[in-house]
Amino acid sequence: MADPAELAQTALWLAVVLSLPVVGVGALVSLIMALFQAATQVQDITIAHLPRFVAVVIALALFGTWMGRHLVSFTTLALGGV
C-alpha cells in the first residue's frame, strides 16, 4: 500500500505532466495569434480563440492515449492496496 502523502505528490506531479503538452500548445498558438494580430492590426475575437481551440482539440487527440495510459497506471497504483 502506497503512502497517502506519496500518492498525493504523485497525483500533483501527474496533473502537471499531463496538462503540460495541451497547455503548451495552447500558449504557443496564442502567442502566434497575438503576433499575427499585432502585425495586421486585426482585433477580431474569433481570430484569437478559434485557432487555439482547434489546436487544443488536436493536441488532446494526439496526446489522449498517452494521457490515458498514465492515468490508468496511476489509478492502478493508487487502488492497488485496496
C-alpha atoms as a PDB file:
ATOM      1  CA  MET A   1       0.000   0.000   0.000  1.00  0.00           C
ATOM      2  CA  ALA A   2       1.396   3.383  -1.001  1.00  0.00           C
ATOM      3  CA  ASP A   3       1.761   6.223   1.452  1.00  0.00           C
ATOM      4  CA  PRO A   4      -1.071   8.805   1.086  1.00  0.00           C
ATOM      5  CA  ALA A   5       1.375  11.707   1.034  1.00  0.00           C
ATOM      6  CA  GLU A   6       3.387   9.996  -1.696  1.00  0.00           C
ATOM      7  CA  LEU A   7       0.201   9.342  -3.688  1.00  0.00           C
ATOM      8  CA  ALA A   8      -0.821  12.996  -3.349  1.00  0.00           C
ATOM      9  CA  GLN A   9       2.606  14.145  -4.518  1.00  0.00           C
ATOM     10  CA  THR A  10       2.488  11.748  -7.462  1.00  0.00           C
ATOM     11  CA  ALA A  11      -1.029  12.893  -8.357  1.00  0.00           C
ATOM     12  CA  LEU A  12       0.004  16.552  -8.395  1.00  0.00           C
ATOM     13  CA  TRP A  13       3.088  15.799 -10.475  1.00  0.00           C
ATOM     14  CA  LEU A  14       0.999  13.713 -12.868  1.00  0.00           C
ATOM     15  CA  ALA A  15      -1.500  16.567 -13.253  1.00  0.00           C
ATOM     16  CA  VAL A  16       1.322  18.925 -14.228  1.00  0.00           C
ATOM     17  CA  VAL A  17       2.914  16.447 -16.643  1.00  0.00           C
ATOM     18  CA  LEU A  18      -0.379  15.531 -18.313  1.00  0.00           C
ATOM     19  CA  SER A  19      -1.552  19.117 -18.733  1.00  0.00           C
ATOM     20  CA  LEU A  20       1.781  20.447 -19.999  1.00  0.00           C
ATOM     21  CA  PRO A  21       1.500  19.359 -23.671  1.00  0.00           C
ATOM     22  CA  VAL A  22      -2.015  20.759 -24.090  1.00  0.00           C
ATOM     23  CA  VAL A  23      -1.309  23.986 -22.218  1.00  0.00           C
ATOM     24  CA  GLY A  24       1.952  24.394 -24.119  1.00  0.00           C
ATOM     25  CA  VAL A  25       0.221  24.017 -27.481  1.00  0.00           C
ATOM     26  CA  GLY A  26      -2.469  26.491 -26.424  1.00  0.00           C
ATOM     27  CA  ALA A  27       0.108  29.017 -25.233  1.00  0.00           C
ATOM     28  CA  LEU A  28       2.193  28.676 -28.384  1.00  0.00           C
ATOM     29  CA  VAL A  29      -0.824  29.150 -30.657  1.00  0.00           C
ATOM     30  CA  SER A  30      -1.947  32.135 -28.549  1.00  0.00           C
ATOM     31  CA  LEU A  31       1.481  33.724 -28.925  1.00  0.00           C
ATOM     32  CA  ILE A  32       1.453  33.197 -32.679  1.00  0.00           C
ATOM     33  CA  MET A  33      -2.050  34.638 -32.961  1.00  0.00           C
ATOM     34  CA  ALA A  34      -1.118  37.644 -30.803  1.00  0.00           C
ATOM     35  CA  LEU A  35       1.847  38.344 -33.068  1.00  0.00           C
ATOM     36  CA  PHE A  36      -0.383  37.970 -36.118  1.00  0.00           C
ATOM     37  CA  GLN A  37      -2.978  40.342 -34.680  1.00  0.00           C
ATOM     38  CA  ALA A  38      -0.332  42.884 -33.729  1.00  0.00           C
ATOM     39  CA  ALA A  39       1.226  42.747 -37.198  1.00  0.00           C
ATOM     40  CA  THR A  40      -2.049  43.025 -39.087  1.00  0.00           C
ATOM     41  CA  GLN A  41      -3.972  45.128 -36.527  1.00  0.00           C
ATOM     42  CA  VAL A  42      -6.945  42.794 -36.867  1.00  0.00           C
ATOM     43  CA  GLN A  43      -8.636  42.609 -33.459  1.00  0.00           C
ATOM     44  CA  ASP A  44     -11.382  40.073 -34.079  1.00  0.00           C
ATOM     45  CA  ILE A  45     -12.152  37.840 -31.086  1.00  0.00           C
ATOM     46  CA  THR A  46     -12.799  34.808 -33.305  1.00  0.00           C
ATOM     47  CA  ILE A  47      -9.328  35.061 -34.786  1.00  0.00           C
ATOM     48  CA  ALA A  48      -7.882  34.916 -31.286  1.00  0.00           C
ATOM     49  CA  HIS A  49      -9.853  31.960 -29.908  1.00  0.00           C
ATOM     50  CA  LEU A  50     -10.794  29.653 -32.760  1.00  0.00           C
ATOM     51  CA  PRO A  51      -7.248  28.588 -33.754  1.00  0.00           C
ATOM     52  CA  ARG A  52      -6.346  27.968 -30.109  1.00  0.00           C
ATOM     53  CA  PHE A  53      -9.466  25.843 -29.643  1.00  0.00           C
ATOM     54  CA  VAL A  54      -8.671  23.800 -32.748  1.00  0.00           C
ATOM     55  CA  ALA A  55      -5.026  23.361 -31.693  1.00  0.00           C
ATOM     56  CA  VAL A  56      -6.020  22.202 -28.200  1.00  0.00           C
ATOM     57  CA  VAL A  57      -8.519  19.697 -29.635  1.00  0.00           C
ATOM     58  CA  ILE A  58      -5.826  18.340 -31.964  1.00  0.00           C
ATOM     59  CA  ALA A  59      -3.344  18.149 -29.074  1.00  0.00           C
ATOM     60  CA  LEU A  60      -5.882  16.250 -26.972  1.00  0.00           C
ATOM     61  CA  ALA A  61      -6.481  13.857 -29.856  1.00  0.00           C
ATOM     62  CA  LEU A  62      -2.750  13.286 -30.298  1.00  0.00           C
ATOM     63  CA  PHE A  63      -1.802  13.022 -26.625  1.00  0.00           C
ATOM     64  CA  GLY A  64      -5.037  11.434 -25.387  1.00  0.00           C
ATOM     65  CA  THR A  65      -3.871   7.833 -25.404  1.00  0.00           C
ATOM     66  CA  TRP A  66      -0.602   8.755 -23.704  1.00  0.00           C
ATOM     67  CA  MET A  67      -2.502  10.686 -21.048  1.00  0.00           C
ATOM     68  CA  GLY A  68      -4.941   7.827 -20.577  1.00  0.00           C
ATOM     69  CA  ARG A  69      -2.156   5.290 -20.104  1.00  0.00           C
ATOM     70  CA  HIS A  70      -0.571   7.413 -17.399  1.00  0.00           C
ATOM     71  CA  LEU A  71      -3.913   7.928 -15.661  1.00  0.00           C
ATOM     72  CA  VAL A  72      -4.679   4.203 -15.698  1.00  0.00           C
ATOM     73  CA  SER A  73      -1.200   3.450 -14.383  1.00  0.00           C
ATOM     74  CA  PHE A  74      -1.623   5.902 -11.515  1.00  0.00           C
ATOM     75  CA  THR A  75      -5.111   4.629 -10.705  1.00  0.00           C
ATOM     76  CA  THR A  76      -3.791   1.072 -10.609  1.00  0.00           C
ATOM     77  CA  LEU A  77      -1.027   2.208  -8.247  1.00  0.00           C
ATOM     78  CA  ALA A  78      -3.433   4.160  -6.052  1.00  0.00           C
ATOM     79  CA  LEU A  79      -6.075   1.435  -5.829  1.00  0.00           C
ATOM     80  CA  GLY A  80      -3.637  -1.461  -5.761  1.00  0.00           C
ATOM     81  CA  GLY A  81      -3.639  -1.547  -1.966  1.00  0.00           C
ATOM     82  CA  VAL A  82      -7.412  -1.564  -1.625  1.00  0.00           C
END
